[in-house]
PDB file of N, CA and C in Angstrom:
ATOM      1  N   UNK A   1      53.718  94.692 124.034  1.00  0.00           N
ATOM      2  CA  UNK A   1      53.157  93.705 124.220  1.00  0.00           C
ATOM      3  C   UNK A   1      52.547  92.837 122.998  1.00  0.00           C
ATOM      4  N   UNK A   2      52.645  94.004 121.810  1.00  0.00           N
ATOM      5  CA  UNK A   2      52.739  93.240 120.671  1.00  0.00           C
ATOM      6  C   UNK A   2      53.641  92.383 119.896  1.00  0.00           C
ATOM      7  N   UNK A   3      54.521  92.856 120.189  1.00  0.00           N
ATOM      8  CA  UNK A   3      55.761  92.103 120.153  1.00  0.00           C
ATOM      9  C   UNK A   3      56.174  90.554 120.390  1.00  0.00           C
ATOM     10  N   UNK A   4      55.628  90.568 121.987  1.00  0.00           N
ATOM     11  CA  UNK A   4      55.718  89.480 122.735  1.00  0.00           C
ATOM     12  C   UNK A   4      54.849  88.242 121.818  1.00  0.00           C
ATOM     13  N   UNK A   5      53.567  88.859 121.521  1.00  0.00           N
ATOM     14  CA  UNK A   5      52.682  87.928 121.240  1.00  0.00           C
ATOM     15  C   UNK A   5      53.135  87.601 119.415  1.00  0.00           C
ATOM     16  N   UNK A   6      53.827  88.468 118.590  1.00  0.00           N
ATOM     17  CA  UNK A   6      54.138  87.791 117.319  1.00  0.00           C
ATOM     18  C   UNK A   6      55.124  87.004 117.721  1.00  0.00           C
ATOM     19  N   UNK A   7      56.461  87.386 118.590  1.00  0.00           N
ATOM     20  CA  UNK A   7      57.115  86.259 118.748  1.00  0.00           C
ATOM     21  C   UNK A   7      56.750  84.859 119.380  1.00  0.00           C
ATOM     22  N   UNK A   8      55.754  84.612 119.954  1.00  0.00           N
ATOM     23  CA  UNK A   8      55.204  83.871 120.549  1.00  0.00           C
ATOM     24  C   UNK A   8      54.653  82.895 119.035  1.00  0.00           C
ATOM     25  N   UNK A   9      53.820  84.276 118.859  1.00  0.00           N
ATOM     26  CA  UNK A   9      53.166  82.683 117.337  1.00  0.00           C
ATOM     27  C   UNK A   9      54.067  82.577 116.601  1.00  0.00           C
ATOM     28  N   UNK A  10      55.340  83.647 116.573  1.00  0.00           N
ATOM     29  CA  UNK A  10      56.455  82.692 115.644  1.00  0.00           C
ATOM     30  C   UNK A  10      57.012  81.215 115.924  1.00  0.00           C
ATOM     31  N   UNK A  11      57.151  81.319 117.180  1.00  0.00           N
ATOM     32  CA  UNK A  11      57.558  80.427 117.963  1.00  0.00           C
ATOM     33  C   UNK A  11      56.847  78.958 117.562  1.00  0.00           C
ATOM     34  N   UNK A  12      55.357  79.166 118.130  1.00  0.00           N
ATOM     35  CA  UNK A  12      54.223  78.023 118.093  1.00  0.00           C
ATOM     36  C   UNK A  12      54.451  77.913 116.616  1.00  0.00           C
ATOM     37  N   UNK A  13      54.352  78.479 115.292  1.00  0.00           N
ATOM     38  CA  UNK A  13      54.300  78.359 113.866  1.00  0.00           C
ATOM     39  C   UNK A  13      55.471  77.563 113.708  1.00  0.00           C
ATOM     40  N   UNK A  14      56.877  77.882 113.973  1.00  0.00           N
ATOM     41  CA  UNK A  14      57.964  77.088 113.885  1.00  0.00           C
ATOM     42  C   UNK A  14      57.963  75.330 114.709  1.00  0.00           C
ATOM     43  N   UNK A  15      57.244  75.629 115.845  1.00  0.00           N
ATOM     44  CA  UNK A  15      57.003  74.033 116.533  1.00  0.00           C
ATOM     45  C   UNK A  15      56.272  73.233 115.839  1.00  0.00           C
ATOM     46  N   UNK A  16      55.370  73.988 115.339  1.00  0.00           N
ATOM     47  CA  UNK A  16      54.356  73.276 114.366  1.00  0.00           C
ATOM     48  C   UNK A  16      54.895  72.464 113.233  1.00  0.00           C
ATOM     49  N   UNK A  17      55.557  73.788 112.672  1.00  0.00           N
ATOM     50  CA  UNK A  17      56.157  73.072 111.203  1.00  0.00           C
ATOM     51  C   UNK A  17      57.470  71.900 111.971  1.00  0.00           C
ATOM     52  N   UNK A  18      58.122  71.862 113.237  1.00  0.00           N
ATOM     53  CA  UNK A  18      58.936  70.762 113.353  1.00  0.00           C
ATOM     54  C   UNK A  18      58.414  69.615 114.103  1.00  0.00           C
ATOM     55  N   UNK A  19      57.602  69.471 114.366  1.00  0.00           N
ATOM     56  CA  UNK A  19      57.034  68.376 114.820  1.00  0.00           C
ATOM     57  C   UNK A  19      55.397  68.369 114.720  1.00  0.00           C
ATOM     58  N   UNK A  20      54.338  68.676 113.853  1.00  0.00           N
ATOM     59  CA  UNK A  20      52.895  68.739 113.785  1.00  0.00           C
ATOM     60  C   UNK A  20      52.649  68.264 112.197  1.00  0.00           C
ATOM     61  N   UNK A  21      52.622  69.481 111.372  1.00  0.00           N
ATOM     62  CA  UNK A  21      52.517  69.949 110.287  1.00  0.00           C
ATOM     63  C   UNK A  21      53.052  68.849 108.666  1.00  0.00           C
ATOM     64  N   UNK A  22      52.615  68.423 108.346  1.00  0.00           N
ATOM     65  CA  UNK A  22      52.497  67.171 107.132  1.00  0.00           C
ATOM     66  C   UNK A  22      51.888  67.342 106.283  1.00  0.00           C
ATOM     67  N   UNK A  23      52.348  67.304 105.138  1.00  0.00           N
ATOM     68  CA  UNK A  23      51.728  66.980 103.726  1.00  0.00           C
ATOM     69  C   UNK A  23      51.386  65.826 103.309  1.00  0.00           C
ATOM     70  N   UNK A  24      50.346  64.937 103.371  1.00  0.00           N
ATOM     71  CA  UNK A  24      50.671  63.721 103.044  1.00  0.00           C
ATOM     72  C   UNK A  24      50.186  63.113 101.650  1.00  0.00           C
ATOM     73  N   UNK A  25      50.456  62.466 101.372  1.00  0.00           N
ATOM     74  CA  UNK A  25      49.469  61.816  99.900  1.00  0.00           C
ATOM     75  C   UNK A  25      49.749  60.478  99.219  1.00  0.00           C
ATOM     76  N   UNK A  26      48.598  60.103  98.592  1.00  0.00           N
ATOM     77  CA  UNK A  26      48.681  58.786  98.792  1.00  0.00           C
ATOM     78  C   UNK A  26      49.732  58.407  97.282  1.00  0.00           C
ATOM     79  N   UNK A  27      49.416  56.608  97.355  1.00  0.00           N
ATOM     80  CA  UNK A  27      50.486  56.380  96.446  1.00  0.00           C
ATOM     81  C   UNK A  27      49.810  57.265  94.535  1.00  0.00           C
ATOM     82  N   UNK A  28      48.808  57.061  94.588  1.00  0.00           N
ATOM     83  CA  UNK A  28      48.643  57.563  93.329  1.00  0.00           C
ATOM     84  C   UNK A  28      49.015  59.158  93.589  1.00  0.00           C
ATOM     85  N   UNK A  29      48.856  59.926  94.475  1.00  0.00           N
ATOM     86  CA  UNK A  29      49.232  61.355  94.568  1.00  0.00           C
ATOM     87  C   UNK A  29      48.252  62.048  95.325  1.00  0.00           C
ATOM     88  N   UNK A  30      47.142  61.451  95.196  1.00  0.00           N
ATOM     89  CA  UNK A  30      46.038  62.413  96.286  1.00  0.00           C
ATOM     90  C   UNK A  30      46.695  63.101  97.362  1.00  0.00           C
ATOM     91  N   UNK A  31      46.069  64.484  97.108  1.00  0.00           N
ATOM     92  CA  UNK A  31      46.564  64.700  99.031  1.00  0.00           C
ATOM     93  C   UNK A  31      45.617  64.294 100.090  1.00  0.00           C
ATOM     94  N   UNK A  32      45.962  63.716 100.916  1.00  0.00           N
ATOM     95  CA  UNK A  32      45.071  63.219 101.719  1.00  0.00           C
ATOM     96  C   UNK A  32      44.873  63.441 103.284  1.00  0.00           C
ATOM     97  N   UNK A  33      45.447  64.592 103.600  1.00  0.00           N
ATOM     98  CA  UNK A  33      45.253  65.910 105.053  1.00  0.00           C
ATOM     99  C   UNK A  33      44.959  66.980 104.751  1.00  0.00           C
ATOM    100  N   UNK A  34      43.947  66.885 103.847  1.00  0.00           N
ATOM    101  CA  UNK A  34      43.321  68.627 103.538  1.00  0.00           C
ATOM    102  C   UNK A  34      42.213  69.598 104.396  1.00  0.00           C
ATOM    103  N   UNK A  35      41.812  68.763 105.264  1.00  0.00           N
ATOM    104  CA  UNK A  35      40.999  69.550 106.590  1.00  0.00           C
ATOM    105  C   UNK A  35      42.051  69.238 107.688  1.00  0.00           C
ATOM    106  N   UNK A  36      41.570  70.255 108.863  1.00  0.00           N
ATOM    107  CA  UNK A  36      42.007  70.403 109.764  1.00  0.00           C
ATOM    108  C   UNK A  36      41.846  69.578 110.562  1.00  0.00           C
ATOM    109  N   UNK A  37      40.854  68.262 110.266  1.00  0.00           N
ATOM    110  CA  UNK A  37      40.747  66.749 111.176  1.00  0.00           C
ATOM    111  C   UNK A  37      41.718  66.323 110.701  1.00  0.00           C
ATOM    112  N   UNK A  38      42.471  66.288 109.441  1.00  0.00           N
ATOM    113  CA  UNK A  38      43.816  65.169 109.520  1.00  0.00           C
ATOM    114  C   UNK A  38      45.068  65.863 109.373  1.00  0.00           C
ATOM    115  N   UNK A  39      45.006  67.535 109.368  1.00  0.00           N
ATOM    116  CA  UNK A  39      46.310  67.719 109.265  1.00  0.00           C
ATOM    117  C   UNK A  39      46.984  68.622 110.935  1.00  0.00           C
ATOM    118  N   UNK A  40      47.766  67.727 111.398  1.00  0.00           N
ATOM    119  CA  UNK A  40      47.705  68.612 112.565  1.00  0.00           C
ATOM    120  C   UNK A  40      48.322  69.627 112.521  1.00  0.00           C
ATOM    121  N   UNK A  41      47.778  70.627 113.484  1.00  0.00           N
ATOM    122  CA  UNK A  41      48.209  71.915 113.824  1.00  0.00           C
ATOM    123  C   UNK A  41      48.576  71.730 115.482  1.00  0.00           C
ATOM    124  N   UNK A  42      49.563  72.637 115.905  1.00  0.00           N
ATOM    125  CA  UNK A  42      49.723  72.952 117.507  1.00  0.00           C
ATOM    126  C   UNK A  42      48.421  73.513 117.475  1.00  0.00           C
ATOM    127  N   UNK A  43      48.276  73.043 119.065  1.00  0.00           N
ATOM    128  CA  UNK A  43      47.130  73.556 119.731  1.00  0.00           C
ATOM    129  C   UNK A  43      47.684  74.059 121.088  1.00  0.00           C
ATOM    130  N   UNK A  44      46.649  75.014 121.925  1.00  0.00           N
ATOM    131  CA  UNK A  44      47.530  75.606 123.125  1.00  0.00           C
ATOM    132  C   UNK A  44      47.705  74.614 123.916  1.00  0.00           C
ATOM    133  N   UNK A  45      47.333  73.377 123.909  1.00  0.00           N
ATOM    134  CA  UNK A  45      47.684  72.519 124.795  1.00  0.00           C
ATOM    135  C   UNK A  45      49.145  71.941 124.785  1.00  0.00           C
ATOM    136  N   UNK A  46      49.256  71.716 123.300  1.00  0.00           N
ATOM    137  CA  UNK A  46      50.529  71.500 123.119  1.00  0.00           C
ATOM    138  C   UNK A  46      51.968  72.391 122.995  1.00  0.00           C
ATOM    139  N   UNK A  47      51.809  73.055 123.404  1.00  0.00           N
ATOM    140  CA  UNK A  47      52.365  74.219 123.229  1.00  0.00           C
ATOM    141  C   UNK A  47      53.100  74.753 124.902  1.00  0.00           C
ATOM    142  N   UNK A  48      54.490  75.044 124.822  1.00  0.00           N
ATOM    143  CA  UNK A  48      54.933  75.548 126.159  1.00  0.00           C
ATOM    144  C   UNK A  48      55.144  76.750 126.345  1.00  0.00           C
ATOM    145  N   UNK A  49      54.744  77.195 127.724  1.00  0.00           N
ATOM    146  CA  UNK A  49      54.759  78.226 127.981  1.00  0.00           C
ATOM    147  C   UNK A  49      56.005  79.056 127.564  1.00  0.00           C
ATOM    148  N   UNK A  50      56.015  80.001 126.821  1.00  0.00           N
ATOM    149  CA  UNK A  50      57.144  81.075 126.318  1.00  0.00           C
ATOM    150  C   UNK A  50      57.293  82.231 127.068  1.00  0.00           C
ATOM    151  N   UNK A  51      58.699  82.710 127.813  1.00  0.00           N
ATOM    152  CA  UNK A  51      58.798  83.384 128.502  1.00  0.00           C
ATOM    153  C   UNK A  51      59.831  84.677 127.553  1.00  0.00           C
ATOM    154  N   UNK A  52      59.234  85.581 126.883  1.00  0.00           N
ATOM    155  CA  UNK A  52      59.926  86.831 126.143  1.00  0.00           C
ATOM    156  C   UNK A  52      60.834  87.894 127.074  1.00  0.00           C
ATOM    157  N   UNK A  53      61.855  87.751 126.241  1.00  0.00           N
ATOM    158  CA  UNK A  53      62.762  88.944 126.815  1.00  0.00           C
ATOM    159  C   UNK A  53      63.210  89.445 125.628  1.00  0.00           C
ATOM    160  N   UNK A  54      63.522  91.187 126.179  1.00  0.00           N
ATOM    161  CA  UNK A  54      63.991  91.815 124.796  1.00  0.00           C
ATOM    162  C   UNK A  54      65.642  92.404 125.242  1.00  0.00           C
ATOM    163  N   UNK A  55      66.062  91.847 123.826  1.00  0.00           N
ATOM    164  CA  UNK A  55      67.649  92.862 123.911  1.00  0.00           C
ATOM    165  C   UNK A  55      66.961  94.140 122.721  1.00  0.00           C
ATOM    166  N   UNK A  56      66.969  95.094 123.015  1.00  0.00           N
ATOM    167  CA  UNK A  56      66.871  96.066 121.955  1.00  0.00           C
ATOM    168  C   UNK A  56      67.935  96.685 121.159  1.00  0.00           C
ATOM    169  N   UNK A  57      67.911  96.845 120.175  1.00  0.00           N
ATOM    170  CA  UNK A  57      69.104  97.574 118.853  1.00  0.00           C
ATOM    171  C   UNK A  57      68.233  98.113 118.083  1.00  0.00           C
ATOM    172  N   UNK A  58      67.748  99.474 118.167  1.00  0.00           N
ATOM    173  CA  UNK A  58      67.177 100.088 117.308  1.00  0.00           C
ATOM    174  C   UNK A  58      68.433 100.435 115.957  1.00  0.00           C
ATOM    175  N   UNK A  59      67.536 100.681 114.608  1.00  0.00           N
ATOM    176  CA  UNK A  59      67.915 100.745 113.522  1.00  0.00           C
ATOM    177  C   UNK A  59      68.339 102.370 113.304  1.00  0.00           C
ATOM    178  N   UNK A  60      69.270 102.914 112.494  1.00  0.00           N
ATOM    179  CA  UNK A  60      68.929 103.538 112.059  1.00  0.00           C
ATOM    180  C   UNK A  60      68.365 104.000 110.563  1.00  0.00           C
ATOM    181  N   UNK A  61      67.668 102.789 110.208  1.00  0.00           N
ATOM    182  CA  UNK A  61      67.090 103.105 108.829  1.00  0.00           C
ATOM    183  C   UNK A  61      65.885 103.385 108.457  1.00  0.00           C
ATOM    184  N   UNK A  62      64.973 103.555 109.808  1.00  0.00           N
ATOM    185  CA  UNK A  62      63.576 103.729 110.168  1.00  0.00           C
ATOM    186  C   UNK A  62      63.485 105.273 111.000  1.00  0.00           C
ATOM    187  N   UNK A  63      62.192 105.991 111.115  1.00  0.00           N
ATOM    188  CA  UNK A  63      62.635 107.147 111.789  1.00  0.00           C
ATOM    189  C   UNK A  63      62.143 106.553 113.350  1.00  0.00           C
ATOM    190  N   UNK A  64      61.803 105.538 113.584  1.00  0.00           N
ATOM    191  CA  UNK A  64      61.433 105.252 114.778  1.00  0.00           C
ATOM    192  C   UNK A  64      62.174 104.180 115.524  1.00  0.00           C
ATOM    193  N   UNK A  65      63.062 103.807 114.863  1.00  0.00           N
ATOM    194  CA  UNK A  65      64.392 102.930 114.904  1.00  0.00           C
ATOM    195  C   UNK A  65      63.745 101.448 115.054  1.00  0.00           C
ATOM    196  N   UNK A  66      62.976 101.320 114.344  1.00  0.00           N
ATOM    197  CA  UNK A  66      61.828  99.682 114.382  1.00  0.00           C
ATOM    198  C   UNK A  66      62.178  99.087 113.372  1.00  0.00           C
ATOM    199  N   UNK A  67      62.194  97.707 113.656  1.00  0.00           N
ATOM    200  CA  UNK A  67      62.238  96.970 112.380  1.00  0.00           C
ATOM    201  C   UNK A  67      61.125  95.753 112.955  1.00  0.00           C
ATOM    202  N   UNK A  68      61.235  94.998 111.708  1.00  0.00           N
ATOM    203  CA  UNK A  68      60.516  93.356 111.998  1.00  0.00           C
ATOM    204  C   UNK A  68      60.720  92.504 113.156  1.00  0.00           C
ATOM    205  N   UNK A  69      59.960  92.180 113.921  1.00  0.00           N
ATOM    206  CA  UNK A  69      60.640  91.082 114.654  1.00  0.00           C
ATOM    207  C   UNK A  69      59.424  89.740 114.670  1.00  0.00           C
ATOM    208  N   UNK A  70      58.501  89.667 114.381  1.00  0.00           N
ATOM    209  CA  UNK A  70      57.293  88.636 114.636  1.00  0.00           C
ATOM    210  C   UNK A  70      58.237  87.482 113.777  1.00  0.00           C
ATOM    211  N   UNK A  71      58.675  86.897 112.653  1.00  0.00           N
ATOM    212  CA  UNK A  71      58.699  85.843 111.946  1.00  0.00           C
ATOM    213  C   UNK A  71      60.256  85.521 112.790  1.00  0.00           C
ATOM    214  N   UNK A  72      60.615  86.112 113.594  1.00  0.00           N
ATOM    215  CA  UNK A  72      61.879  85.931 114.173  1.00  0.00           C
ATOM    216  C   UNK A  72      61.993  84.210 114.801  1.00  0.00           C
ATOM    217  N   UNK A  73      60.987  83.943 115.350  1.00  0.00           N
ATOM    218  CA  UNK A  73      61.156  82.387 116.078  1.00  0.00           C
ATOM    219  C   UNK A  73      60.923  81.517 114.928  1.00  0.00           C
ATOM    220  N   UNK A  74      60.401  81.497 113.811  1.00  0.00           N
ATOM    221  CA  UNK A  74      59.646  80.673 112.848  1.00  0.00           C
ATOM    222  C   UNK A  74      60.803  79.580 112.663  1.00  0.00           C
ATOM    223  N   UNK A  75      61.824  80.484 112.396  1.00  0.00           N
ATOM    224  CA  UNK A  75      62.951  79.202 111.350  1.00  0.00           C
ATOM    225  C   UNK A  75      63.663  79.038 112.469  1.00  0.00           C
ATOM    226  N   UNK A  76      64.127  79.747 113.885  1.00  0.00           N
ATOM    227  CA  UNK A  76      65.065  79.248 114.604  1.00  0.00           C
ATOM    228  C   UNK A  76      63.915  78.085 115.313  1.00  0.00           C
ATOM    229  N   UNK A  77      62.960  78.375 115.850  1.00  0.00           N
ATOM    230  CA  UNK A  77      62.317  77.150 116.572  1.00  0.00           C
ATOM    231  C   UNK A  77      62.287  76.131 115.573  1.00  0.00           C
ATOM    232  N   UNK A  78      62.638  75.918 114.709  1.00  0.00           N
ATOM    233  CA  UNK A  78      62.403  74.109 113.818  1.00  0.00           C
ATOM    234  C   UNK A  78      63.314  73.947 114.075  1.00  0.00           C
ATOM    235  N   UNK A  79      64.574  74.387 113.676  1.00  0.00           N
ATOM    236  CA  UNK A  79      66.151  74.402 113.737  1.00  0.00           C
ATOM    237  C   UNK A  79      66.497  73.957 115.157  1.00  0.00           C
ATOM    238  N   UNK A  80      66.213  74.383 116.160  1.00  0.00           N
ATOM    239  CA  UNK A  80      66.506  74.352 117.647  1.00  0.00           C
ATOM    240  C   UNK A  80      66.025  72.964 117.761  1.00  0.00           C
ATOM    241  N   UNK A  81      64.645  72.518 117.310  1.00  0.00           N
ATOM    242  CA  UNK A  81      63.755  71.036 117.678  1.00  0.00           C
ATOM    243  C   UNK A  81      64.464  70.103 117.114  1.00  0.00           C
ATOM    244  N   UNK A  82      65.102  70.420 115.801  1.00  0.00           N
ATOM    245  CA  UNK A  82      65.448  69.359 114.783  1.00  0.00           C
ATOM    246  C   UNK A  82      67.060  69.035 115.795  1.00  0.00           C
ATOM    247  N   UNK A  83      68.025  69.885 115.679  1.00  0.00           N
ATOM    248  CA  UNK A  83      69.219  69.903 116.225  1.00  0.00           C
ATOM    249  C   UNK A  83      69.055  69.521 117.239  1.00  0.00           C
ATOM    250  N   UNK A  84      67.866  69.028 118.699  1.00  0.00           N
ATOM    251  CA  UNK A  84      67.716  68.772 119.904  1.00  0.00           C
ATOM    252  C   UNK A  84      67.866  67.520 119.702  1.00  0.00           C
ATOM    253  N   UNK A  85      66.807  67.230 118.559  1.00  0.00           N
ATOM    254  CA  UNK A  85      66.417  65.531 118.224  1.00  0.00           C
ATOM    255  C   UNK A  85      67.384  64.487 117.918  1.00  0.00           C
ATOM    256  N   UNK A  86      68.591  65.339 117.218  1.00  0.00           N
ATOM    257  CA  UNK A  86      69.813  64.710 116.434  1.00  0.00           C
ATOM    258  C   UNK A  86      70.626  64.593 117.676  1.00  0.00           C
ATOM    259  N   UNK A  87      70.638  65.643 118.534  1.00  0.00           N
ATOM    260  CA  UNK A  87      71.807  65.419 119.993  1.00  0.00           C
ATOM    261  C   UNK A  87      71.189  64.419 120.877  1.00  0.00           C
ATOM    262  N   UNK A  88      69.848  63.994 120.453  1.00  0.00           N
ATOM    263  CA  UNK A  88      69.345  62.766 121.433  1.00  0.00           C
ATOM    264  C   UNK A  88      69.277  61.693 120.466  1.00  0.00           C
ATOM    265  N   UNK A  89      69.688  61.963 119.363  1.00  0.00           N
ATOM    266  CA  UNK A  89      70.076  60.438 118.407  1.00  0.00           C
ATOM    267  C   UNK A  89      71.662  60.150 118.461  1.00  0.00           C
ATOM    268  N   UNK A  90      72.309  61.175 118.618  1.00  0.00           N
ATOM    269  CA  UNK A  90      73.789  60.796 117.837  1.00  0.00           C
ATOM    270  C   UNK A  90      74.299  59.798 118.464  1.00  0.00           C
ATOM    271  N   UNK A  91      73.965  59.717 119.768  1.00  0.00           N
ATOM    272  CA  UNK A  91      74.673  58.359 120.760  1.00  0.00           C
ATOM    273  C   UNK A  91      74.324  56.864 120.158  1.00  0.00           C
ATOM    274  N   UNK A  92      73.235  56.722 118.983  1.00  0.00           N
ATOM    275  CA  UNK A  92      72.872  55.630 118.170  1.00  0.00           C
ATOM    276  C   UNK A  92      73.499  55.850 117.038  1.00  0.00           C
ATOM    277  N   UNK A  93      73.783  56.444 116.458  1.00  0.00           N
ATOM    278  CA  UNK A  93      74.736  56.751 115.087  1.00  0.00           C
ATOM    279  C   UNK A  93      73.599  56.952 113.988  1.00  0.00           C
ATOM    280  N   UNK A  94      72.395  58.060 114.565  1.00  0.00           N
ATOM    281  CA  UNK A  94      71.527  58.113 113.965  1.00  0.00           C
ATOM    282  C   UNK A  94      71.155  59.824 113.853  1.00  0.00           C
ATOM    283  N   UNK A  95      70.433  59.898 112.650  1.00  0.00           N
ATOM    284  CA  UNK A  95      70.210  61.521 112.188  1.00  0.00           C
ATOM    285  C   UNK A  95      69.109  61.569 111.620  1.00  0.00           C
ATOM    286  N   UNK A  96      67.893  62.917 111.914  1.00  0.00           N
ATOM    287  CA  UNK A  96      66.841  63.062 110.789  1.00  0.00           C
ATOM    288  C   UNK A  96      67.409  64.547 110.182  1.00  0.00           C
ATOM    289  N   UNK A  97      67.447  65.153 108.626  1.00  0.00           N
ATOM    290  CA  UNK A  97      67.640  66.108 107.970  1.00  0.00           C
ATOM    291  C   UNK A  97      66.677  66.609 107.546  1.00  0.00           C
ATOM    292  N   UNK A  98      65.167  66.667 108.039  1.00  0.00           N
ATOM    293  CA  UNK A  98      63.637  66.728 107.319  1.00  0.00           C
ATOM    294  C   UNK A  98      62.804  66.992 108.426  1.00  0.00           C
ATOM    295  N   UNK A  99      61.657  67.713 108.273  1.00  0.00           N
ATOM    296  CA  UNK A  99      60.739  68.083 108.927  1.00  0.00           C
ATOM    297  C   UNK A  99      59.595  67.605 108.171  1.00  0.00           C
ATOM    298  N   UNK A 100      58.566  67.253 108.885  1.00  0.00           N
ATOM    299  CA  UNK A 100      58.122  67.307 110.495  1.00  0.00           C
ATOM    300  C   UNK A 100      59.059  66.137 111.169  1.00  0.00           C
ATOM    301  N   UNK A 101      59.280  66.192 112.273  1.00  0.00           N
ATOM    302  CA  UNK A 101      59.869  65.204 113.142  1.00  0.00           C
ATOM    303  C   UNK A 101      59.306  64.282 113.510  1.00  0.00           C
ATOM    304  N   UNK A 102      58.648  63.015 112.702  1.00  0.00           N
ATOM    305  CA  UNK A 102      57.128  62.097 113.017  1.00  0.00           C
ATOM    306  C   UNK A 102      58.312  61.131 113.772  1.00  0.00           C
ATOM    307  N   UNK A 103      57.493  60.267 114.470  1.00  0.00           N
ATOM    308  CA  UNK A 103      57.499  58.963 115.130  1.00  0.00           C
ATOM    309  C   UNK A 103      58.393  57.838 114.227  1.00  0.00           C
ATOM    310  N   UNK A 104      57.512  58.089 113.101  1.00  0.00           N
ATOM    311  CA  UNK A 104      58.155  57.180 111.996  1.00  0.00           C
ATOM    312  C   UNK A 104      59.981  57.623 111.591  1.00  0.00           C
ATOM    313  N   UNK A 105      59.922  58.362 111.289  1.00  0.00           N
ATOM    314  CA  UNK A 105      61.416  59.393 110.935  1.00  0.00           C
ATOM    315  C   UNK A 105      61.984  58.641 112.055  1.00  0.00           C
ATOM    316  N   UNK A 106      61.861  58.800 113.467  1.00  0.00           N
ATOM    317  CA  UNK A 106      62.997  58.428 114.443  1.00  0.00           C
ATOM    318  C   UNK A 106      63.323  57.261 114.220  1.00  0.00           C
ATOM    319  N   UNK A 107      62.387  56.444 114.351  1.00  0.00           N
ATOM    320  CA  UNK A 107      62.329  54.974 114.181  1.00  0.00           C
ATOM    321  C   UNK A 107      63.383  54.502 113.033  1.00  0.00           C
ATOM    322  N   UNK A 108      62.754  55.018 111.739  1.00  0.00           N
ATOM    323  CA  UNK A 108      63.558  54.651 110.730  1.00  0.00           C
ATOM    324  C   UNK A 108      65.387  55.264 110.872  1.00  0.00           C
ATOM    325  N   UNK A 109      65.398  56.209 111.474  1.00  0.00           N
ATOM    326  CA  UNK A 109      66.920  56.727 111.545  1.00  0.00           C
ATOM    327  C   UNK A 109      67.186  55.715 112.587  1.00  0.00           C
ATOM    328  N   UNK A 110      66.880  55.423 113.131  1.00  0.00           N
ATOM    329  CA  UNK A 110      67.217  53.972 114.398  1.00  0.00           C
ATOM    330  C   UNK A 110      67.385  52.803 113.880  1.00  0.00           C
ATOM    331  N   UNK A 111      66.836  52.556 112.925  1.00  0.00           N
ATOM    332  CA  UNK A 111      66.409  51.136 111.647  1.00  0.00           C
ATOM    333  C   UNK A 111      65.982  49.975 112.533  1.00  0.00           C
ATOM    334  N   UNK A 112      64.620  50.698 113.068  1.00  0.00           N
ATOM    335  CA  UNK A 112      63.755  49.927 114.268  1.00  0.00           C
ATOM    336  C   UNK A 112      62.680  49.978 113.210  1.00  0.00           C
ATOM    337  N   UNK A 113      62.553  50.466 112.269  1.00  0.00           N
ATOM    338  CA  UNK A 113      61.069  50.309 111.344  1.00  0.00           C
ATOM    339  C   UNK A 113      61.304  50.056 110.149  1.00  0.00           C
TER     340      UNK A 113
END
């Protein structure tokens, strides 16, 4: 159960990085979204149900055969979302190469902004 929730947390963190979290600065360099009222993070209502399945491959490097698992979803989730968006944009000859994926970035990639 602990591993399942560590994985879910990592996945949500990766989805947040891909779709929500952005540090914004004014033209003068002032950080403008320094509170959680202005800096978006994923909340439970924005997240999908995440079904976890396990493929166990014990390691010989520890007595228990255990290894880290919690951060596995963080990088993979962001990459999956970015790849999916780029697959959707491909027929239009557009790509995005950075996260977060904002509506403005999508419109700019489509040359409509």
